[in-house]
């Protein structure tokens, strides 16, 4: 009997995600978070757009955590979403309080500080 041996091609090794591309994913995911969060409040954002933005934002964040520390990624992601939704809401409503502006600036300061302090711990 003659047996045929099937040769399978070796699996392609995935190219490691660069830190710059991972940060791009975090920023894009944060931007998409603004879209889906605003979709919960404003009916002008279609439900399909909300769903796609939600799924894509979390996919990008999951990908980014393969190259960056998860705590830093999530803090920046949530910060972008928080600041963005407050800004969009202020524009839509036409007002924003000084206290809210101060707290948002503090949040930005803490997110930047977290990113800067994570310098040596960004190893896998």
Protein backbone atom coordinates (compact mmCIF):
# COMPACT_ATOMS: atom_id res chain seq x y z
CA UNK A 1 0.00 0.00 0.00
CA UNK A 2 1.21 3.36 -0.76
CA UNK A 3 0.63 6.00 1.83
CA UNK A 4 0.60 9.64 1.00
CA UNK A 5 2.02 11.95 3.54
CA UNK A 6 0.47 15.35 3.70
CA UNK A 7 2.83 18.11 4.55
CA UNK A 8 1.34 21.03 6.28
CA UNK A 9 2.96 24.38 6.00
CA UNK A 10 4.34 25.54 9.32
CA UNK A 11 2.11 28.11 10.99
CA UNK A 12 3.12 31.66 10.27
CA UNK A 13 4.66 33.33 13.24
CA UNK A 14 2.72 36.42 14.21
CA UNK A 15 4.68 39.59 13.95
CA UNK A 16 4.98 41.10 17.44
CA UNK A 17 2.96 44.24 17.99
CA UNK A 18 5.12 47.35 18.31
CA UNK A 19 4.56 49.67 21.25
CA UNK A 20 3.75 52.56 18.89
CA UNK A 21 1.08 50.55 17.12
CA UNK A 22 -0.28 49.39 20.50
CA UNK A 23 -0.63 53.03 21.61
CA UNK A 24 -2.38 53.80 18.34
CA UNK A 25 -4.84 51.00 19.17
CA UNK A 26 -5.41 52.49 22.64
CA UNK A 27 -6.11 55.94 21.19
CA UNK A 28 -8.43 54.54 18.50
CA UNK A 29 -10.20 52.37 21.08
CA UNK A 30 -10.67 55.39 23.35
CA UNK A 31 -12.12 57.37 20.45
CA UNK A 32 -14.55 54.56 19.69
CA UNK A 33 -15.50 54.45 23.37
CA UNK A 34 -16.67 58.06 23.06
CA UNK A 35 -18.93 57.05 20.17
CA UNK A 36 -20.55 54.09 21.89
CA UNK A 37 -20.91 55.88 25.23
CA UNK A 38 -22.63 58.83 23.56
CA UNK A 39 -24.90 56.38 21.75
CA UNK A 40 -26.39 55.40 25.10
CA UNK A 41 -27.57 58.97 25.67
CA UNK A 42 -28.24 60.44 22.24
CA UNK A 43 -30.62 58.77 19.80
CA UNK A 44 -28.81 60.40 16.87
CA UNK A 45 -26.18 57.64 17.14
CA UNK A 46 -27.65 54.51 15.47
CA UNK A 47 -27.69 51.29 17.51
CA UNK A 48 -25.59 49.46 14.91
CA UNK A 49 -22.88 52.14 15.17
CA UNK A 50 -22.95 51.79 18.97
CA UNK A 51 -22.59 48.01 18.76
CA UNK A 52 -19.78 48.09 16.19
CA UNK A 53 -17.93 50.82 18.13
CA UNK A 54 -18.27 48.86 21.37
CA UNK A 55 -16.93 45.62 19.92
CA UNK A 56 -14.14 47.26 17.94
CA UNK A 57 -12.99 49.40 20.87
CA UNK A 58 -12.59 46.38 23.12
CA UNK A 59 -10.90 44.38 20.36
CA UNK A 60 -8.32 47.16 19.96
CA UNK A 61 -7.74 47.34 23.71
CA UNK A 62 -7.27 43.57 23.95
CA UNK A 63 -4.73 43.72 21.13
CA UNK A 64 -2.89 46.63 22.78
CA UNK A 65 -2.48 44.69 26.05
CA UNK A 66 -0.28 42.19 24.21
CA UNK A 67 2.46 44.85 24.04
CA UNK A 68 1.64 47.24 26.90
CA UNK A 69 0.79 46.88 30.62
CA UNK A 70 -2.92 46.22 31.05
CA UNK A 71 -3.37 48.72 33.90
CA UNK A 72 -1.87 51.57 31.94
CA UNK A 73 -3.80 50.63 28.79
CA UNK A 74 -7.13 50.51 30.59
CA UNK A 75 -6.51 53.75 32.50
CA UNK A 76 -5.63 55.63 29.30
CA UNK A 77 -8.54 54.03 27.42
CA UNK A 78 -11.02 54.97 30.16
CA UNK A 79 -9.50 58.45 30.47
CA UNK A 80 -9.87 59.13 26.76
CA UNK A 81 -13.46 57.96 26.92
CA UNK A 82 -14.23 60.02 30.01
CA UNK A 83 -12.68 63.23 28.75
CA UNK A 84 -14.20 62.74 25.30
CA UNK A 85 -17.72 62.12 26.54
CA UNK A 86 -17.56 65.13 28.87
CA UNK A 87 -16.38 67.33 26.00
CA UNK A 88 -19.05 66.03 23.62
CA UNK A 89 -21.73 66.47 26.26
CA UNK A 90 -20.53 70.02 26.99
CA UNK A 91 -20.73 70.85 23.28
CA UNK A 92 -24.18 69.27 22.92
CA UNK A 93 -25.60 70.99 26.00
CA UNK A 94 -23.69 74.22 25.52
CA UNK A 95 -22.42 74.51 29.12
CA UNK A 96 -19.76 73.08 31.41
CA UNK A 97 -18.98 73.99 35.00
CA UNK A 98 -15.57 75.16 36.18
CA UNK A 99 -15.48 72.30 38.68
CA UNK A 100 -15.99 69.76 35.90
CA UNK A 101 -13.20 71.34 33.84
CA UNK A 102 -10.86 71.23 36.86
CA UNK A 103 -11.63 67.58 37.58
CA UNK A 104 -11.13 66.61 33.93
CA UNK A 105 -7.77 68.40 33.89
CA UNK A 106 -6.77 66.53 37.05
CA UNK A 107 -7.80 63.26 35.43
CA UNK A 108 -5.65 64.07 32.39
CA UNK A 109 -2.73 64.91 34.66
CA UNK A 110 -3.05 61.57 36.46
CA UNK A 111 -3.31 59.61 33.20
CA UNK A 112 -0.18 61.31 31.84
CA UNK A 113 1.58 60.66 35.15
CA UNK A 114 0.60 56.99 35.02
CA UNK A 115 1.94 56.69 31.49
CA UNK A 116 5.23 58.38 32.41
CA UNK A 117 5.70 56.35 35.58
CA UNK A 118 5.17 53.07 33.74
CA UNK A 119 8.41 53.56 31.79
CA UNK A 120 10.39 50.68 33.29
CA UNK A 121 7.44 48.35 33.87
CA UNK A 122 6.38 48.05 30.24
CA UNK A 123 7.96 44.64 29.94
CA UNK A 124 5.98 41.47 29.44
